[in-house]
Amino acid sequence: SSAGAFAVGWLETSLPSFAHSVVVQRVDSSGALIGSRFVVVSDGVDNIVTQPQVALDGQGRLIATWLEVPSSGGESRLLKMRRFNIDNTPSGGIVTLSNRADGRAGALAADNVGRVVAMVTEPTSGQPNSNIVTKVVNQNLGVVTTLTKTQAASPARQLAVAMTPDTGEFLTIVGDGQHFFTTSHSAT
């Protein structure tokens, strides 16, 4: 955030049940913990949560994304997102950003007014390619733009996104293990 605070998210596994939870801890600019860590989401009866990403917007709200994978081992992987107020209470419901995520890579960023950019890879019908999908979400948690770029699939795929604090401009970065490709965009 603009005040230098940040959040750390991780996947926690409970023993002996091996149940997974996406857990987040807020940290101030000096590195001191802010409040208690909290659980964003846990495994459901039919799904397993994995691959969390977190970001803070300029208002101190936390945005978290995660993948939900069927516990039966099916192919349907959902990229979900939820925003939390500064006191860690939910701000709106859970939003599904992708129902075809392949689980290879993801990235997340937010700006000062609450716009969010999330990136994920999705399979294509013409393998060995994959789609790199960028979702631009407005401050009301509505998806306003979907950008899709098809690239050769890479086991070393890396995604990153960075946003300017106020203008809604953002930069996507895609790595294939040997090269990085950048593209600038506007969320407005």
Protein backbone atom coordinates (compact mmCIF):
# COMPACT_ATOMS: atom_id res chain seq x y z
CA SER A 1 0.00 0.00 0.00
CA SER A 2 1.05 3.64 -0.21
CA ALA A 3 1.82 3.66 3.54
CA GLY A 4 4.40 0.90 3.10
CA ALA A 5 2.32 -1.84 4.70
CA PHE A 6 2.13 -5.20 2.98
CA ALA A 7 0.56 -8.62 3.37
CA VAL A 8 2.00 -12.11 3.19
CA GLY A 9 -0.14 -15.05 2.13
CA TRP A 10 0.65 -18.74 2.25
CA LEU A 11 -0.89 -22.16 1.95
CA GLU A 12 -1.04 -23.93 5.30
CA THR A 13 -1.54 -27.69 5.66
CA SER A 14 -3.03 -29.06 8.89
CA LEU A 15 -1.88 -32.44 10.15
CA PRO A 16 -2.98 -35.21 10.35
CA SER A 17 -5.94 -34.36 8.05
CA PHE A 18 -3.84 -32.62 5.36
CA ALA A 19 -6.56 -29.96 5.04
CA HIS A 20 -5.38 -26.78 3.30
CA SER A 21 -6.09 -23.15 4.14
CA VAL A 22 -5.04 -19.88 2.54
CA VAL A 23 -3.71 -17.78 5.43
CA VAL A 24 -2.75 -14.07 5.41
CA GLN A 25 -0.81 -11.84 7.78
CA ARG A 26 -0.63 -8.06 7.47
CA VAL A 27 2.71 -6.36 8.21
CA ASP A 28 3.46 -2.64 8.70
CA SER A 29 6.28 -0.70 7.04
CA SER A 30 8.68 -1.45 9.94
CA GLY A 31 8.07 -5.21 9.65
CA ALA A 32 5.84 -5.48 12.74
CA LEU A 33 2.80 -7.73 12.52
CA ILE A 34 -0.57 -5.98 12.28
CA GLY A 35 -3.24 -7.92 14.17
CA SER A 36 -3.57 -11.66 13.90
CA ARG A 37 -3.17 -13.81 10.85
CA PHE A 38 -6.48 -14.89 9.36
CA VAL A 39 -7.85 -17.62 7.12
CA VAL A 40 -9.12 -16.44 3.73
CA VAL A 41 -10.51 -19.83 2.60
CA SER A 42 -10.10 -23.53 3.41
CA ASP A 43 -10.63 -26.77 1.54
CA GLY A 44 -14.27 -27.62 0.92
CA VAL A 45 -15.96 -31.01 0.77
CA ASP A 46 -15.35 -31.27 -2.98
CA ASN A 47 -12.31 -29.04 -3.53
CA ILE A 48 -8.78 -28.28 -2.44
CA VAL A 49 -7.43 -24.71 -2.25
CA THR A 50 -3.93 -23.90 -3.48
CA GLN A 51 -1.66 -21.21 -4.99
CA PRO A 52 -2.61 -18.06 -3.05
CA GLN A 53 -1.71 -14.57 -4.25
CA VAL A 54 -2.27 -11.42 -2.15
CA ALA A 55 -2.16 -7.65 -2.72
CA LEU A 56 -3.15 -4.52 -0.81
CA ASP A 57 -4.91 -1.60 -2.43
CA GLY A 58 -4.26 2.02 -1.45
CA GLN A 59 -7.13 1.95 1.04
CA GLY A 60 -5.55 -0.90 3.01
CA ARG A 61 -7.99 -3.49 1.70
CA LEU A 62 -6.54 -6.92 1.04
CA ILE A 63 -7.25 -8.81 -2.17
CA ALA A 64 -6.59 -12.55 -2.24
CA THR A 65 -6.79 -15.00 -5.11
CA TRP A 66 -6.47 -18.77 -4.99
CA LEU A 67 -7.11 -21.85 -7.11
CA GLU A 68 -9.84 -24.33 -6.23
CA VAL A 69 -9.08 -27.80 -7.57
CA PRO A 70 -11.58 -30.69 -7.42
CA SER A 71 -10.59 -33.16 -4.70
CA SER A 72 -11.65 -35.91 -7.12
CA GLY A 73 -8.74 -34.95 -9.36
CA GLY A 74 -10.84 -33.49 -12.19
CA GLU A 75 -9.64 -30.91 -14.68
CA SER A 76 -11.82 -27.98 -13.55
CA ARG A 77 -9.63 -25.44 -11.76
CA LEU A 78 -11.22 -22.20 -10.64
CA LEU A 79 -9.36 -18.96 -9.96
CA LYS A 80 -11.29 -17.20 -7.19
CA MET A 81 -10.85 -13.76 -5.62
CA ARG A 82 -12.10 -12.01 -2.49
CA ARG A 83 -11.47 -8.58 -0.99
CA PHE A 84 -11.18 -7.89 2.75
CA ASN A 85 -11.51 -4.59 4.63
CA ILE A 86 -8.66 -3.25 6.75
CA ASP A 87 -10.14 -5.08 9.79
CA ASN A 88 -10.02 -8.37 7.76
CA THR A 89 -13.80 -8.63 7.39
CA PRO A 90 -14.97 -9.60 3.88
CA SER A 91 -15.80 -6.74 1.50
CA GLY A 92 -18.18 -8.35 -0.97
CA GLY A 93 -18.47 -11.96 -2.01
CA ILE A 94 -16.16 -14.41 -3.72
CA VAL A 95 -15.65 -13.69 -7.43
CA THR A 96 -14.71 -16.42 -9.93
CA LEU A 97 -12.13 -14.99 -12.35
CA SER A 98 -11.48 -18.16 -14.34
CA ASN A 99 -13.11 -21.57 -14.59
CA ARG A 100 -10.29 -22.94 -16.75
CA ALA A 101 -7.09 -22.10 -14.84
CA ASP A 102 -4.37 -24.67 -15.46
CA GLY A 103 -2.51 -23.92 -12.24
CA ARG A 104 0.87 -23.21 -13.79
CA ALA A 105 1.21 -19.51 -12.94
CA GLY A 106 -0.60 -16.51 -11.48
CA ALA A 107 -0.02 -12.88 -10.48
CA LEU A 108 -1.98 -10.14 -8.70
CA ALA A 109 -1.76 -6.34 -8.21
CA ALA A 110 -4.03 -3.54 -6.93
CA ASP A 111 -3.96 0.25 -7.11
CA ASN A 112 -4.95 3.03 -4.70
CA VAL A 113 -8.60 3.24 -5.79
CA GLY A 114 -9.23 -0.50 -5.58
CA ARG A 115 -8.81 -1.65 -9.17
CA VAL A 116 -7.27 -5.11 -9.41
CA VAL A 117 -5.36 -6.94 -12.13
CA ALA A 118 -5.10 -10.74 -11.93
CA MET A 119 -3.17 -12.97 -14.33
CA VAL A 120 -3.55 -16.71 -14.83
CA THR A 121 -2.65 -19.32 -17.42
CA GLU A 122 -5.40 -21.36 -19.09
CA PRO A 123 -5.10 -24.30 -21.51
CA THR A 124 -5.88 -23.92 -25.20
CA SER A 125 -7.43 -26.49 -27.47
CA GLY A 126 -4.27 -26.45 -29.61
CA GLN A 127 -1.62 -27.80 -27.27
CA PRO A 128 1.24 -27.21 -26.53
CA ASN A 129 0.13 -23.57 -26.24
CA SER A 130 -1.43 -21.87 -23.25
CA ASN A 131 -3.47 -18.71 -22.90
CA ILE A 132 -2.18 -16.02 -20.59
CA VAL A 133 -5.35 -14.36 -19.34
CA THR A 134 -5.34 -10.97 -17.62
CA LYS A 135 -8.51 -9.90 -15.81
CA VAL A 136 -9.01 -6.22 -14.97
CA VAL A 137 -11.43 -5.80 -12.07
CA ASN A 138 -13.00 -2.48 -11.08
CA GLN A 139 -13.32 -1.17 -7.53
CA ASN A 140 -16.80 -2.78 -7.30
CA LEU A 141 -15.25 -6.22 -8.01
CA GLY A 142 -16.71 -6.44 -11.49
CA VAL A 143 -14.53 -7.78 -14.32
CA VAL A 144 -14.36 -4.97 -16.87
CA THR A 145 -11.71 -6.27 -19.27
CA THR A 146 -10.28 -9.65 -20.18
CA LEU A 147 -7.05 -9.72 -22.17
CA THR A 148 -5.92 -13.03 -23.66
CA LYS A 149 -2.59 -13.82 -25.26
CA THR A 150 -1.64 -17.26 -26.58
CA GLN A 151 1.97 -18.36 -26.16
CA ALA A 152 3.88 -21.59 -26.40
CA ALA A 153 3.46 -23.52 -23.16
CA SER A 154 6.48 -23.46 -20.88
CA PRO A 155 7.02 -25.48 -17.71
CA ALA A 156 9.04 -22.50 -16.42
CA ARG A 157 6.21 -19.99 -17.02
CA GLN A 158 6.43 -16.93 -14.76
CA LEU A 159 3.83 -14.16 -14.55
CA ALA A 160 4.04 -10.79 -12.80
CA VAL A 161 1.95 -7.64 -12.84
CA ALA A 162 2.58 -4.15 -11.43
CA MET A 163 0.16 -1.22 -11.24
CA THR A 164 0.68 2.52 -10.92
CA PRO A 165 -0.87 3.86 -7.69
CA ASP A 166 -3.43 6.23 -9.24
CA THR A 167 -3.74 6.10 -13.02
CA GLY A 168 -4.91 2.53 -13.58
CA GLU A 169 -1.96 1.77 -15.82
CA PHE A 170 -0.32 -1.61 -15.38
CA LEU A 171 2.53 -3.65 -16.76
CA THR A 172 2.29 -7.39 -17.41
CA ILE A 173 5.45 -9.46 -17.39
CA VAL A 174 5.62 -12.97 -18.83
CA GLY A 175 8.70 -15.16 -18.53
CA ASP A 176 9.36 -18.45 -20.30
CA GLY A 177 12.48 -19.51 -18.39
CA GLN A 178 14.85 -17.73 -20.80
CA HIS A 179 13.21 -14.41 -21.70
CA PHE A 180 10.83 -11.86 -20.20
CA PHE A 181 8.19 -10.04 -22.24
CA THR A 182 6.51 -6.86 -20.97
CA THR A 183 3.37 -5.10 -22.15
CA SER A 184 1.82 -1.92 -20.77
CA HIS A 185 -1.96 -1.51 -20.45
CA SER A 186 -4.58 0.79 -18.94
CA ALA A 187 -7.29 -0.40 -16.55
CA THR A 188 -9.44 2.65 -17.27
